[in-house]
Amino acid sequence: MQALQYTRDPVGDTLTVWYGDPNTEYICEETEEEVILMKDASGTVIGKEILHVSSREAEALNIVFGETAMA
């Protein structure tokens, strides 16, 4: 299993989490929850960028990896 990579951008107020190889990013898609999904060419989600992260409550900030949720 590949290690998680994450970046917190205080200026852009985002949290980016990669659980796949960022170099294989092919397309991005924004959800209604203001989360950007980074996908590879096969459509597999390999990362997420959470927008407006400082305004979200810690209890509500869950990141789902396959079948497992991590807070």
PDB file of N, CA and C in Angstrom:
ATOM      1  N   MET A   1       0.830  -1.176   0.000  1.00  0.00           N
ATOM      2  CA  MET A   1       0.000   0.000   0.000  1.00  0.00           C
ATOM      3  C   MET A   1       0.881   1.248   0.000  1.00  0.00           C
ATOM      4  N   GLN A   2       0.543   2.193  -0.845  1.00  0.00           N
ATOM      5  CA  GLN A   2       1.298   3.430  -0.949  1.00  0.00           C
ATOM      6  C   GLN A   2       0.975   4.349   0.234  1.00  0.00           C
ATOM      7  N   ALA A   3       1.972   5.075   0.717  1.00  0.00           N
ATOM      8  CA  ALA A   3       1.768   5.996   1.831  1.00  0.00           C
ATOM      9  C   ALA A   3       0.928   7.185   1.387  1.00  0.00           C
ATOM     10  N   LEU A   4       0.137   7.715   2.322  1.00  0.00           N
ATOM     11  CA  LEU A   4      -0.647   8.915   2.049  1.00  0.00           C
ATOM     12  C   LEU A   4       0.275  10.119   1.962  1.00  0.00           C
ATOM     13  N   GLN A   5      -0.063  11.026   1.073  1.00  0.00           N
ATOM     14  CA  GLN A   5       0.642  12.297   0.975  1.00  0.00           C
ATOM     15  C   GLN A   5      -0.403  13.379   1.178  1.00  0.00           C
ATOM     16  N   TYR A   6      -0.101  14.360   2.001  1.00  0.00           N
ATOM     17  CA  TYR A   6      -1.070  15.430   2.188  1.00  0.00           C
ATOM     18  C   TYR A   6      -0.365  16.772   2.250  1.00  0.00           C
ATOM     19  N   THR A   7      -1.097  17.802   1.827  1.00  0.00           N
ATOM     20  CA  THR A   7      -0.587  19.157   1.819  1.00  0.00           C
ATOM     21  C   THR A   7      -1.683  20.083   2.330  1.00  0.00           C
ATOM     22  N   ARG A   8      -1.353  20.914   3.283  1.00  0.00           N
ATOM     23  CA  ARG A   8      -2.286  21.928   3.793  1.00  0.00           C
ATOM     24  C   ARG A   8      -1.826  23.270   3.241  1.00  0.00           C
ATOM     25  N   ASP A   9      -2.699  23.948   2.520  1.00  0.00           N
ATOM     26  CA  ASP A   9      -2.397  25.261   1.952  1.00  0.00           C
ATOM     27  C   ASP A   9      -3.200  26.311   2.715  1.00  0.00           C
ATOM     28  N   PRO A  10      -2.554  27.038   3.650  1.00  0.00           N
ATOM     29  CA  PRO A  10      -3.294  28.019   4.437  1.00  0.00           C
ATOM     30  C   PRO A  10      -3.744  29.230   3.618  1.00  0.00           C
ATOM     31  N   VAL A  11      -3.032  29.566   2.568  1.00  0.00           N
ATOM     32  CA  VAL A  11      -3.415  30.701   1.726  1.00  0.00           C
ATOM     33  C   VAL A  11      -4.642  30.352   0.887  1.00  0.00           C
ATOM     34  N   GLY A  12      -4.624  29.207   0.246  1.00  0.00           N
ATOM     35  CA  GLY A  12      -5.758  28.758  -0.562  1.00  0.00           C
ATOM     36  C   GLY A  12      -6.851  28.114   0.274  1.00  0.00           C
ATOM     37  N   ASP A  13      -6.554  27.866   1.562  1.00  0.00           N
ATOM     38  CA  ASP A  13      -7.476  27.241   2.511  1.00  0.00           C
ATOM     39  C   ASP A  13      -7.953  25.878   2.014  1.00  0.00           C
ATOM     40  N   THR A  14      -6.977  25.051   1.603  1.00  0.00           N
ATOM     41  CA  THR A  14      -7.290  23.714   1.108  1.00  0.00           C
ATOM     42  C   THR A  14      -6.462  22.656   1.840  1.00  0.00           C
ATOM     43  N   LEU A  15      -6.960  21.443   1.786  1.00  0.00           N
ATOM     44  CA  LEU A  15      -6.237  20.264   2.242  1.00  0.00           C
ATOM     45  C   LEU A  15      -6.280  19.267   1.097  1.00  0.00           C
ATOM     46  N   THR A  16      -5.112  18.877   0.613  1.00  0.00           N
ATOM     47  CA  THR A  16      -5.023  17.918  -0.484  1.00  0.00           C
ATOM     48  C   THR A  16      -4.449  16.615   0.051  1.00  0.00           C
ATOM     49  N   VAL A  17      -5.134  15.516  -0.242  1.00  0.00           N
ATOM     50  CA  VAL A  17      -4.711  14.192   0.202  1.00  0.00           C
ATOM     51  C   VAL A  17      -4.580  13.306  -1.031  1.00  0.00           C
ATOM     52  N   TRP A  18      -3.407  12.711  -1.201  1.00  0.00           N
ATOM     53  CA  TRP A  18      -3.163  11.754  -2.288  1.00  0.00           C
ATOM     54  C   TRP A  18      -3.020  10.374  -1.684  1.00  0.00           C
ATOM     55  N   TYR A  19      -3.727   9.410  -2.229  1.00  0.00           N
ATOM     56  CA  TYR A  19      -3.543   8.013  -1.843  1.00  0.00           C
ATOM     57  C   TYR A  19      -3.276   7.155  -3.061  1.00  0.00           C
ATOM     58  N   GLY A  20      -2.908   7.830  -4.124  1.00  0.00           N
ATOM     59  CA  GLY A  20      -2.432   7.212  -5.356  1.00  0.00           C
ATOM     60  C   GLY A  20      -1.281   8.065  -5.855  1.00  0.00           C
ATOM     61  N   ASP A  21      -0.726   7.729  -6.971  1.00  0.00           N
ATOM     62  CA  ASP A  21       0.410   8.452  -7.535  1.00  0.00           C
ATOM     63  C   ASP A  21      -0.065   9.757  -8.179  1.00  0.00           C
ATOM     64  N   PRO A  22       0.320  10.922  -7.641  1.00  0.00           N
ATOM     65  CA  PRO A  22      -0.108  12.196  -8.212  1.00  0.00           C
ATOM     66  C   PRO A  22       0.312  12.373  -9.676  1.00  0.00           C
ATOM     67  N   ASN A  23       1.367  11.711 -10.073  1.00  0.00           N
ATOM     68  CA  ASN A  23       1.842  11.826 -11.458  1.00  0.00           C
ATOM     69  C   ASN A  23       0.903  11.174 -12.462  1.00  0.00           C
ATOM     70  N   THR A  24      -0.041  10.364 -11.977  1.00  0.00           N
ATOM     71  CA  THR A  24      -0.983   9.709 -12.884  1.00  0.00           C
ATOM     72  C   THR A  24      -2.312  10.460 -12.984  1.00  0.00           C
ATOM     73  N   GLU A  25      -2.377  11.664 -12.373  1.00  0.00           N
ATOM     74  CA  GLU A  25      -3.611  12.456 -12.437  1.00  0.00           C
ATOM     75  C   GLU A  25      -3.959  12.763 -13.886  1.00  0.00           C
ATOM     76  N   TYR A  26      -5.213  12.521 -14.237  1.00  0.00           N
ATOM     77  CA  TYR A  26      -5.685  12.702 -15.611  1.00  0.00           C
ATOM     78  C   TYR A  26      -6.792  13.743 -15.704  1.00  0.00           C
ATOM     79  N   ILE A  27      -7.700  13.722 -14.731  1.00  0.00           N
ATOM     80  CA  ILE A  27      -8.847  14.631 -14.752  1.00  0.00           C
ATOM     81  C   ILE A  27      -9.280  14.926 -13.314  1.00  0.00           C
ATOM     82  N   CYS A  28      -9.919  16.084 -13.123  1.00  0.00           N
ATOM     83  CA  CYS A  28     -10.453  16.473 -11.817  1.00  0.00           C
ATOM     84  C   CYS A  28     -11.944  16.732 -11.948  1.00  0.00           C
ATOM     85  N   GLU A  29     -12.647  16.525 -10.840  1.00  0.00           N
ATOM     86  CA  GLU A  29     -14.093  16.729 -10.816  1.00  0.00           C
ATOM     87  C   GLU A  29     -14.471  17.314  -9.458  1.00  0.00           C
ATOM     88  N   GLU A  30     -15.219  18.434  -9.458  1.00  0.00           N
ATOM     89  CA  GLU A  30     -15.649  19.040  -8.199  1.00  0.00           C
ATOM     90  C   GLU A  30     -17.019  18.494  -7.802  1.00  0.00           C
ATOM     91  N   THR A  31     -17.164  18.154  -6.528  1.00  0.00           N
ATOM     92  CA  THR A  31     -18.429  17.643  -6.013  1.00  0.00           C
ATOM     93  C   THR A  31     -19.265  18.795  -5.466  1.00  0.00           C
ATOM     94  N   GLU A  32     -20.510  18.509  -5.117  1.00  0.00           N
ATOM     95  CA  GLU A  32     -21.389  19.506  -4.511  1.00  0.00           C
ATOM     96  C   GLU A  32     -20.893  19.926  -3.133  1.00  0.00           C
ATOM     97  N   GLU A  33     -20.101  19.093  -2.487  1.00  0.00           N
ATOM     98  CA  GLU A  33     -19.560  19.376  -1.155  1.00  0.00           C
ATOM     99  C   GLU A  33     -18.275  20.190  -1.221  1.00  0.00           C
ATOM    100  N   GLU A  34     -17.936  20.717  -2.379  1.00  0.00           N
ATOM    101  CA  GLU A  34     -16.719  21.498  -2.603  1.00  0.00           C
ATOM    102  C   GLU A  34     -15.460  20.696  -2.279  1.00  0.00           C
ATOM    103  N   VAL A  35     -15.448  19.483  -2.788  1.00  0.00           N
ATOM    104  CA  VAL A  35     -14.285  18.605  -2.733  1.00  0.00           C
ATOM    105  C   VAL A  35     -13.932  18.281  -4.173  1.00  0.00           C
ATOM    106  N   ILE A  36     -12.662  18.429  -4.503  1.00  0.00           N
ATOM    107  CA  ILE A  36     -12.212  18.104  -5.855  1.00  0.00           C
ATOM    108  C   ILE A  36     -11.620  16.704  -5.844  1.00  0.00           C
ATOM    109  N   LEU A  37     -12.126  15.859  -6.724  1.00  0.00           N
ATOM    110  CA  LEU A  37     -11.640  14.491  -6.856  1.00  0.00           C
ATOM    111  C   LEU A  37     -10.632  14.446  -7.992  1.00  0.00           C
ATOM    112  N   MET A  38      -9.430  13.993  -7.710  1.00  0.00           N
ATOM    113  CA  MET A  38      -8.413  13.807  -8.736  1.00  0.00           C
ATOM    114  C   MET A  38      -8.436  12.340  -9.160  1.00  0.00           C
ATOM    115  N   LYS A  39      -8.538  12.113 -10.464  1.00  0.00           N
ATOM    116  CA  LYS A  39      -8.677  10.757 -10.980  1.00  0.00           C
ATOM    117  C   LYS A  39      -7.573  10.435 -11.983  1.00  0.00           C
ATOM    118  N   ASP A  40      -7.276   9.141 -12.090  1.00  0.00           N
ATOM    119  CA  ASP A  40      -6.333   8.701 -13.119  1.00  0.00           C
ATOM    120  C   ASP A  40      -7.111   8.435 -14.411  1.00  0.00           C
ATOM    121  N   ALA A  41      -6.421   7.976 -15.436  1.00  0.00           N
ATOM    122  CA  ALA A  41      -7.038   7.786 -16.755  1.00  0.00           C
ATOM    123  C   ALA A  41      -8.149   6.736 -16.744  1.00  0.00           C
ATOM    124  N   SER A  42      -8.120   5.815 -15.787  1.00  0.00           N
ATOM    125  CA  SER A  42      -9.171   4.796 -15.722  1.00  0.00           C
ATOM    126  C   SER A  42     -10.378   5.259 -14.910  1.00  0.00           C
ATOM    127  N   GLY A  43     -10.309   6.471 -14.340  1.00  0.00           N
ATOM    128  CA  GLY A  43     -11.421   7.002 -13.559  1.00  0.00           C
ATOM    129  C   GLY A  43     -11.347   6.705 -12.076  1.00  0.00           C
ATOM    130  N   THR A  44     -10.263   6.081 -11.642  1.00  0.00           N
ATOM    131  CA  THR A  44     -10.085   5.769 -10.225  1.00  0.00           C
ATOM    132  C   THR A  44      -9.664   7.029  -9.481  1.00  0.00           C
ATOM    133  N   VAL A  45     -10.333   7.307  -8.367  1.00  0.00           N
ATOM    134  CA  VAL A  45      -9.973   8.469  -7.555  1.00  0.00           C
ATOM    135  C   VAL A  45      -8.647   8.186  -6.856  1.00  0.00           C
ATOM    136  N   ILE A  46      -7.676   9.074  -7.076  1.00  0.00           N
ATOM    137  CA  ILE A  46      -6.352   8.900  -6.473  1.00  0.00           C
ATOM    138  C   ILE A  46      -6.017  10.012  -5.486  1.00  0.00           C
ATOM    139  N   GLY A  47      -6.906  10.994  -5.377  1.00  0.00           N
ATOM    140  CA  GLY A  47      -6.676  12.072  -4.432  1.00  0.00           C
ATOM    141  C   GLY A  47      -7.896  12.958  -4.297  1.00  0.00           C
ATOM    142  N   LYS A  48      -7.892  13.758  -3.217  1.00  0.00           N
ATOM    143  CA  LYS A  48      -8.991  14.687  -2.969  1.00  0.00           C
ATOM    144  C   LYS A  48      -8.417  16.001  -2.475  1.00  0.00           C
ATOM    145  N   GLU A  49      -9.022  17.087  -2.933  1.00  0.00           N
ATOM    146  CA  GLU A  49      -8.671  18.403  -2.432  1.00  0.00           C
ATOM    147  C   GLU A  49      -9.921  18.987  -1.777  1.00  0.00           C
ATOM    148  N   ILE A  50      -9.823  19.270  -0.498  1.00  0.00           N
ATOM    149  CA  ILE A  50     -10.956  19.788   0.260  1.00  0.00           C
ATOM    150  C   ILE A  50     -10.839  21.304   0.301  1.00  0.00           C
ATOM    151  N   LEU A  51     -11.839  21.991  -0.250  1.00  0.00           N
ATOM    152  CA  LEU A  51     -11.844  23.446  -0.302  1.00  0.00           C
ATOM    153  C   LEU A  51     -12.417  24.017   0.988  1.00  0.00           C
ATOM    154  N   HIS A  52     -12.009  25.232   1.333  1.00  0.00           N
ATOM    155  CA  HIS A  52     -12.517  25.945   2.515  1.00  0.00           C
ATOM    156  C   HIS A  52     -12.359  25.101   3.780  1.00  0.00           C
ATOM    157  N   VAL A  53     -11.222  24.471   3.927  1.00  0.00           N
ATOM    158  CA  VAL A  53     -11.029  23.495   5.000  1.00  0.00           C
ATOM    159  C   VAL A  53     -11.093  24.131   6.391  1.00  0.00           C
ATOM    160  N   SER A  54     -10.684  25.380   6.550  1.00  0.00           N
ATOM    161  CA  SER A  54     -10.690  25.978   7.887  1.00  0.00           C
ATOM    162  C   SER A  54     -12.097  26.261   8.392  1.00  0.00           C
ATOM    163  N   SER A  55     -13.064  26.373   7.491  1.00  0.00           N
ATOM    164  CA  SER A  55     -14.427  26.670   7.918  1.00  0.00           C
ATOM    165  C   SER A  55     -15.243  25.407   8.199  1.00  0.00           C
ATOM    166  N   ARG A  56     -14.665  24.246   8.008  1.00  0.00           N
ATOM    167  CA  ARG A  56     -15.365  22.990   8.264  1.00  0.00           C
ATOM    168  C   ARG A  56     -15.093  22.545   9.693  1.00  0.00           C
ATOM    169  N   GLU A  57     -16.092  21.999  10.337  1.00  0.00           N
ATOM    170  CA  GLU A  57     -15.908  21.487  11.691  1.00  0.00           C
ATOM    171  C   GLU A  57     -15.090  20.203  11.639  1.00  0.00           C
ATOM    172  N   ALA A  58     -14.219  20.034  12.604  1.00  0.00           N
ATOM    173  CA  ALA A  58     -13.343  18.856  12.633  1.00  0.00           C
ATOM    174  C   ALA A  58     -14.137  17.560  12.624  1.00  0.00           C
ATOM    175  N   GLU A  59     -15.275  17.532  13.311  1.00  0.00           N
ATOM    176  CA  GLU A  59     -16.063  16.305  13.365  1.00  0.00           C
ATOM    177  C   GLU A  59     -16.650  15.950  12.001  1.00  0.00           C
ATOM    178  N   ALA A  60     -16.880  16.964  11.160  1.00  0.00           N
ATOM    179  CA  ALA A  60     -17.511  16.727   9.863  1.00  0.00           C
ATOM    180  C   ALA A  60     -16.494  16.437   8.770  1.00  0.00           C
ATOM    181  N   LEU A  61     -15.219  16.572   9.068  1.00  0.00           N
ATOM    182  CA  LEU A  61     -14.185  16.383   8.059  1.00  0.00           C
ATOM    183  C   LEU A  61     -13.761  14.918   8.027  1.00  0.00           C
ATOM    184  N   ASN A  62     -14.417  14.144   7.183  1.00  0.00           N
ATOM    185  CA  ASN A  62     -14.096  12.735   7.002  1.00  0.00           C
ATOM    186  C   ASN A  62     -13.588  12.525   5.598  1.00  0.00           C
ATOM    187  N   ILE A  63     -12.549  11.762   5.465  1.00  0.00           N
ATOM    188  CA  ILE A  63     -11.994  11.427   4.155  1.00  0.00           C
ATOM    189  C   ILE A  63     -12.174   9.938   3.979  1.00  0.00           C
ATOM    190  N   VAL A  64     -12.851   9.535   2.914  1.00  0.00           N
ATOM    191  CA  VAL A  64     -13.144   8.120   2.698  1.00  0.00           C
ATOM    192  C   VAL A  64     -12.135   7.534   1.718  1.00  0.00           C
ATOM    193  N   PHE A  65     -11.512   6.435   2.111  1.00  0.00           N
ATOM    194  CA  PHE A  65     -10.545   5.703   1.298  1.00  0.00           C
ATOM    195  C   PHE A  65     -11.122   4.322   1.070  1.00  0.00           C
ATOM    196  N   GLY A  66     -11.697   4.105  -0.093  1.00  0.00           N
ATOM    197  CA  GLY A  66     -12.317   2.816  -0.353  1.00  0.00           C
ATOM    198  C   GLY A  66     -13.470   2.592   0.600  1.00  0.00           C
ATOM    199  N   GLU A  67     -13.374   1.638   1.483  1.00  0.00           N
ATOM    200  CA  GLU A  67     -14.446   1.328   2.420  1.00  0.00           C
ATOM    201  C   GLU A  67     -14.168   1.890   3.809  1.00  0.00           C
ATOM    202  N   THR A  68     -13.052   2.593   4.000  1.00  0.00           N
ATOM    203  CA  THR A  68     -12.666   3.049   5.323  1.00  0.00           C
ATOM    204  C   THR A  68     -12.730   4.563   5.402  1.00  0.00           C
ATOM    205  N   ALA A  69     -13.357   5.099   6.436  1.00  0.00           N
ATOM    206  CA  ALA A  69     -13.403   6.555   6.661  1.00  0.00           C
ATOM    207  C   ALA A  69     -12.346   6.923   7.687  1.00  0.00           C
ATOM    208  N   MET A  70     -11.620   7.983   7.407  1.00  0.00           N
ATOM    209  CA  MET A  70     -10.613   8.488   8.337  1.00  0.00           C
ATOM    210  C   MET A  70     -10.964   9.919   8.657  1.00  0.00           C
ATOM    211  N   ALA A  71     -10.945  10.275   9.926  1.00  0.00           N
ATOM    212  CA  ALA A  71     -11.258  11.650  10.334  1.00  0.00           C
ATOM    213  C   ALA A  71      -9.965  12.399  10.574  1.00  0.00           C
TER     214      ALA A  71
END
